[in-house]
């Protein structure tokens, strides 16, 4: 097809028999000629043999390169974090509030569990000591709520 119009039609053999045809031109352009075995190829072969290195030499070079790369890459978790913080030292003023607020928000649930465990003992009390202990633990839960709200607020603001 050329320009949306059929130029040639037929089987493979019929299209090859058309001299100067588009299809036969494409097929002939794709043919690869085999080289004769003459002196040109033997010269190339000799040059290539000179360029080849023994296998044990290549293995040694590859092993040395792998050791150098693995020595570079094996920094570990703290080495990677340290490198990251060092490279981003201009942004520490933004990282510190995020880390502090994340620690505060993450500590809220364990602290709440601990407070609740301490609160259970209050139910054994009676009278004025019950009222006093209940007020104290209510205040502790209120302070926890303020700390949690401050942590989440700072994290959201950062």
C-alpha atoms as a PDB file:
ATOM      1  CA  UNK A   1       0.000   0.000   0.000  1.00  0.00           C
ATOM      2  CA  UNK A   2       1.130   3.497  -0.752  1.00  0.00           C
ATOM      3  CA  UNK A   3      -0.973   6.490   0.159  1.00  0.00           C
ATOM      4  CA  UNK A   4      -3.859   4.198   1.105  1.00  0.00           C
ATOM      5  CA  UNK A   5      -3.967   2.553  -2.348  1.00  0.00           C
ATOM      6  CA  UNK A   6      -2.973  -1.036  -3.219  1.00  0.00           C
ATOM      7  CA  UNK A   7       0.110  -0.863  -5.416  1.00  0.00           C
ATOM      8  CA  UNK A   8       0.823  -4.580  -5.779  1.00  0.00           C
ATOM      9  CA  UNK A   9      -1.231  -7.681  -5.064  1.00  0.00           C
ATOM     10  CA  UNK A  10      -0.428 -11.355  -5.234  1.00  0.00           C
ATOM     11  CA  UNK A  11       1.372 -14.202  -3.555  1.00  0.00           C
ATOM     12  CA  UNK A  12       4.928 -13.984  -2.324  1.00  0.00           C
ATOM     13  CA  UNK A  13       6.320 -15.637  -5.483  1.00  0.00           C
ATOM     14  CA  UNK A  14       4.271 -13.459  -7.839  1.00  0.00           C
ATOM     15  CA  UNK A  15       5.361 -10.276  -6.079  1.00  0.00           C
ATOM     16  CA  UNK A  16       9.033 -11.327  -6.179  1.00  0.00           C
ATOM     17  CA  UNK A  17       8.834 -11.877  -9.959  1.00  0.00           C
ATOM     18  CA  UNK A  18       7.842  -8.247 -10.578  1.00  0.00           C
ATOM     19  CA  UNK A  19      11.098  -6.517 -11.559  1.00  0.00           C
ATOM     20  CA  UNK A  20      11.503  -3.157  -9.815  1.00  0.00           C
ATOM     21  CA  UNK A  21       8.429  -3.781  -7.683  1.00  0.00           C
ATOM     22  CA  UNK A  22       8.021  -2.332  -4.213  1.00  0.00           C
ATOM     23  CA  UNK A  23       7.669  -5.739  -2.526  1.00  0.00           C
ATOM     24  CA  UNK A  24      10.640  -7.304  -4.314  1.00  0.00           C
ATOM     25  CA  UNK A  25      12.714  -4.226  -3.444  1.00  0.00           C
ATOM     26  CA  UNK A  26      11.888  -4.653   0.249  1.00  0.00           C
ATOM     27  CA  UNK A  27      12.704  -8.374   0.190  1.00  0.00           C
ATOM     28  CA  UNK A  28      15.992  -7.824  -1.671  1.00  0.00           C
ATOM     29  CA  UNK A  29      16.988  -5.062   0.741  1.00  0.00           C
ATOM     30  CA  UNK A  30      16.666  -7.532   3.617  1.00  0.00           C
ATOM     31  CA  UNK A  31      18.934 -10.175   2.106  1.00  0.00           C
ATOM     32  CA  UNK A  32      22.225 -10.675   3.882  1.00  0.00           C
ATOM     33  CA  UNK A  33      25.203 -11.727   1.805  1.00  0.00           C
ATOM     34  CA  UNK A  34      27.493 -14.343   3.295  1.00  0.00           C
ATOM     35  CA  UNK A  35      31.186 -13.498   3.397  1.00  0.00           C
ATOM     36  CA  UNK A  36      33.639 -15.693   1.581  1.00  0.00           C
ATOM     37  CA  UNK A  37      36.212 -17.334   3.805  1.00  0.00           C
ATOM     38  CA  UNK A  38      39.268 -15.401   2.716  1.00  0.00           C
ATOM     39  CA  UNK A  39      42.166 -13.504   4.254  1.00  0.00           C
ATOM     40  CA  UNK A  40      39.992 -10.582   5.384  1.00  0.00           C
ATOM     41  CA  UNK A  41      38.145 -12.683   7.931  1.00  0.00           C
ATOM     42  CA  UNK A  42      41.295 -14.338   9.223  1.00  0.00           C
ATOM     43  CA  UNK A  43      42.851 -10.907   9.868  1.00  0.00           C
ATOM     44  CA  UNK A  44      39.795  -9.863  11.823  1.00  0.00           C
ATOM     45  CA  UNK A  45      39.900 -13.122  13.768  1.00  0.00           C
ATOM     46  CA  UNK A  46      43.538 -12.578  14.731  1.00  0.00           C
ATOM     47  CA  UNK A  47      42.784  -9.034  15.906  1.00  0.00           C
ATOM     48  CA  UNK A  48      39.895 -10.286  18.014  1.00  0.00           C
ATOM     49  CA  UNK A  49      42.026 -13.017  19.582  1.00  0.00           C
ATOM     50  CA  UNK A  50      44.541 -10.392  20.653  1.00  0.00           C
ATOM     51  CA  UNK A  51      41.774  -8.396  22.332  1.00  0.00           C
ATOM     52  CA  UNK A  52      40.469 -11.392  24.270  1.00  0.00           C
ATOM     53  CA  UNK A  53      41.605 -11.765  27.864  1.00  0.00           C
ATOM     54  CA  UNK A  54      41.932 -15.005  29.799  1.00  0.00           C
ATOM     55  CA  UNK A  55      38.816 -15.937  31.765  1.00  0.00           C
ATOM     56  CA  UNK A  56      40.560 -15.978  35.157  1.00  0.00           C
ATOM     57  CA  UNK A  57      41.746 -12.404  34.601  1.00  0.00           C
ATOM     58  CA  UNK A  58      38.184 -11.299  33.840  1.00  0.00           C
ATOM     59  CA  UNK A  59      36.894 -13.087  36.943  1.00  0.00           C
ATOM     60  CA  UNK A  60      39.485 -11.316  39.118  1.00  0.00           C
ATOM     61  CA  UNK A  61      38.537  -7.929  37.673  1.00  0.00           C
ATOM     62  CA  UNK A  62      34.825  -8.593  38.150  1.00  0.00           C
ATOM     63  CA  UNK A  63      35.366  -9.792  41.730  1.00  0.00           C
ATOM     64  CA  UNK A  64      37.390  -6.685  42.592  1.00  0.00           C
ATOM     65  CA  UNK A  65      34.699  -4.431  41.122  1.00  0.00           C
ATOM     66  CA  UNK A  66      31.958  -6.289  43.012  1.00  0.00           C
ATOM     67  CA  UNK A  67      33.887  -5.967  46.289  1.00  0.00           C
ATOM     68  CA  UNK A  68      34.332  -2.234  45.744  1.00  0.00           C
ATOM     69  CA  UNK A  69      30.638  -1.787  44.953  1.00  0.00           C
ATOM     70  CA  UNK A  70      29.489  -3.882  47.917  1.00  0.00           C
ATOM     71  CA  UNK A  71      31.832  -1.957  50.210  1.00  0.00           C
ATOM     72  CA  UNK A  72      30.205   1.226  48.973  1.00  0.00           C
ATOM     73  CA  UNK A  73      26.638  -0.044  49.243  1.00  0.00           C
ATOM     74  CA  UNK A  74      26.777  -1.785  52.658  1.00  0.00           C
ATOM     75  CA  UNK A  75      26.101   1.256  54.833  1.00  0.00           C
ATOM     76  CA  UNK A  76      23.284  -0.258  56.827  1.00  0.00           C
ATOM     77  CA  UNK A  77      20.144   1.368  58.157  1.00  0.00           C
ATOM     78  CA  UNK A  78      21.762   3.958  60.412  1.00  0.00           C
ATOM     79  CA  UNK A  79      24.421   4.814  57.844  1.00  0.00           C
ATOM     80  CA  UNK A  80      21.733   5.474  55.271  1.00  0.00           C
ATOM     81  CA  UNK A  81      19.658   7.597  57.653  1.00  0.00           C
ATOM     82  CA  UNK A  82      22.784   9.459  58.748  1.00  0.00           C
ATOM     83  CA  UNK A  83      23.730  10.173  55.138  1.00  0.00           C
ATOM     84  CA  UNK A  84      20.190  11.344  54.413  1.00  0.00           C
ATOM     85  CA  UNK A  85      20.176  13.694  57.404  1.00  0.00           C
ATOM     86  CA  UNK A  86      23.626  15.007  56.539  1.00  0.00           C
ATOM     87  CA  UNK A  87      22.619  15.730  52.945  1.00  0.00           C
ATOM     88  CA  UNK A  88      19.396  17.420  54.073  1.00  0.00           C
ATOM     89  CA  UNK A  89      20.889  19.377  57.003  1.00  0.00           C
ATOM     90  CA  UNK A  90      19.383  22.625  55.708  1.00  0.00           C
ATOM     91  CA  UNK A  91      15.915  21.149  56.295  1.00  0.00           C
ATOM     92  CA  UNK A  92      16.447  19.960  59.890  1.00  0.00           C
ATOM     93  CA  UNK A  93      14.274  22.743  61.233  1.00  0.00           C
ATOM     94  CA  UNK A  94      11.361  21.082  59.420  1.00  0.00           C
ATOM     95  CA  UNK A  95      12.256  17.517  60.386  1.00  0.00           C
ATOM     96  CA  UNK A  96      12.561  18.098  64.137  1.00  0.00           C
ATOM     97  CA  UNK A  97       8.885  19.108  64.689  1.00  0.00           C
ATOM     98  CA  UNK A  98       7.688  16.237  62.500  1.00  0.00           C
ATOM     99  CA  UNK A  99       9.739  13.647  64.387  1.00  0.00           C
ATOM    100  CA  UNK A 100       8.806  15.082  67.798  1.00  0.00           C
ATOM    101  CA  UNK A 101       5.094  15.215  66.982  1.00  0.00           C
ATOM    102  CA  UNK A 102       5.153  11.700  65.517  1.00  0.00           C
ATOM    103  CA  UNK A 103       6.824  10.433  68.693  1.00  0.00           C
ATOM    104  CA  UNK A 104       4.225  12.198  70.837  1.00  0.00           C
ATOM    105  CA  UNK A 105       1.318  10.883  68.789  1.00  0.00           C
ATOM    106  CA  UNK A 106       2.801   7.388  68.777  1.00  0.00           C
ATOM    107  CA  UNK A 107       3.290   7.437  72.546  1.00  0.00           C
ATOM    108  CA  UNK A 108      -0.318   8.463  73.211  1.00  0.00           C
ATOM    109  CA  UNK A 109      -1.810   4.957  73.023  1.00  0.00           C
ATOM    110  CA  UNK A 110       0.761   3.236  75.268  1.00  0.00           C
ATOM    111  CA  UNK A 111       0.415   6.042  77.821  1.00  0.00           C
ATOM    112  CA  UNK A 112      -3.361   5.705  77.680  1.00  0.00           C
ATOM    113  CA  UNK A 113      -3.044   1.965  78.319  1.00  0.00           C
ATOM    114  CA  UNK A 114      -0.756   2.573  81.282  1.00  0.00           C
ATOM    115  CA  UNK A 115      -3.113   5.220  82.719  1.00  0.00           C
ATOM    116  CA  UNK A 116      -6.079   2.889  82.347  1.00  0.00           C
ATOM    117  CA  UNK A 117      -4.187   0.095  84.122  1.00  0.00           C
ATOM    118  CA  UNK A 118      -3.521   2.466  87.036  1.00  0.00           C
ATOM    119  CA  UNK A 119      -7.137   3.655  86.978  1.00  0.00           C
ATOM    120  CA  UNK A 120      -8.466   0.135  87.626  1.00  0.00           C
ATOM    121  CA  UNK A 121      -7.111   0.255  91.190  1.00  0.00           C
ATOM    122  CA  UNK A 122      -9.278   3.335  91.923  1.00  0.00           C
ATOM    123  CA  UNK A 123     -12.459   1.225  91.847  1.00  0.00           C
ATOM    124  CA  UNK A 124     -11.407  -0.451  95.096  1.00  0.00           C
ATOM    125  CA  UNK A 125     -11.543   2.858  96.983  1.00  0.00           C
ATOM    126  CA  UNK A 126     -14.575   4.321  98.741  1.00  0.00           C
ATOM    127  CA  UNK A 127     -15.708   7.695 100.016  1.00  0.00           C
ATOM    128  CA  UNK A 128     -13.560  10.803  99.774  1.00  0.00           C
ATOM    129  CA  UNK A 129     -10.456   8.895  98.586  1.00  0.00           C
ATOM    130  CA  UNK A 130     -12.486   7.592  95.603  1.00  0.00           C
ATOM    131  CA  UNK A 131     -13.525  11.125  94.622  1.00  0.00           C
ATOM    132  CA  UNK A 132      -9.985  12.443  95.038  1.00  0.00           C
ATOM    133  CA  UNK A 133      -8.424   9.589  92.970  1.00  0.00           C
ATOM    134  CA  UNK A 134     -11.128   9.880  90.292  1.00  0.00           C
ATOM    135  CA  UNK A 135     -10.434  13.603  89.911  1.00  0.00           C
ATOM    136  CA  UNK A 136      -6.685  12.960  89.736  1.00  0.00           C
ATOM    137  CA  UNK A 137      -6.968  10.312  87.008  1.00  0.00           C
ATOM    138  CA  UNK A 138      -9.489  12.410  85.079  1.00  0.00           C
ATOM    139  CA  UNK A 139      -6.909  15.206  85.101  1.00  0.00           C
ATOM    140  CA  UNK A 140      -4.242  12.770  83.834  1.00  0.00           C
ATOM    141  CA  UNK A 141      -6.485  11.690  80.946  1.00  0.00           C
ATOM    142  CA  UNK A 142      -7.201  15.360  80.167  1.00  0.00           C
ATOM    143  CA  UNK A 143      -3.455  16.126  80.075  1.00  0.00           C
ATOM    144  CA  UNK A 144      -2.968  13.101  77.803  1.00  0.00           C
ATOM    145  CA  UNK A 145      -5.707  14.424  75.506  1.00  0.00           C
ATOM    146  CA  UNK A 146      -4.037  17.854  75.376  1.00  0.00           C
ATOM    147  CA  UNK A 147      -0.651  16.288  74.576  1.00  0.00           C
ATOM    148  CA  UNK A 148      -2.152  14.085  71.890  1.00  0.00           C
ATOM    149  CA  UNK A 149      -4.010  17.020  70.337  1.00  0.00           C
ATOM    150  CA  UNK A 150      -0.837  19.116  70.386  1.00  0.00           C
ATOM    151  CA  UNK A 151       1.150  16.294  68.765  1.00  0.00           C
ATOM    152  CA  UNK A 152      -1.376  15.717  65.996  1.00  0.00           C
ATOM    153  CA  UNK A 153      -1.797  19.459  65.490  1.00  0.00           C
ATOM    154  CA  UNK A 154       1.956  20.013  65.158  1.00  0.00           C
ATOM    155  CA  UNK A 155       2.255  17.055  62.816  1.00  0.00           C
ATOM    156  CA  UNK A 156      -0.549  18.406  60.649  1.00  0.00           C
ATOM    157  CA  UNK A 157       0.940  21.890  60.648  1.00  0.00           C
ATOM    158  CA  UNK A 158       4.413  20.646  59.745  1.00  0.00           C
END
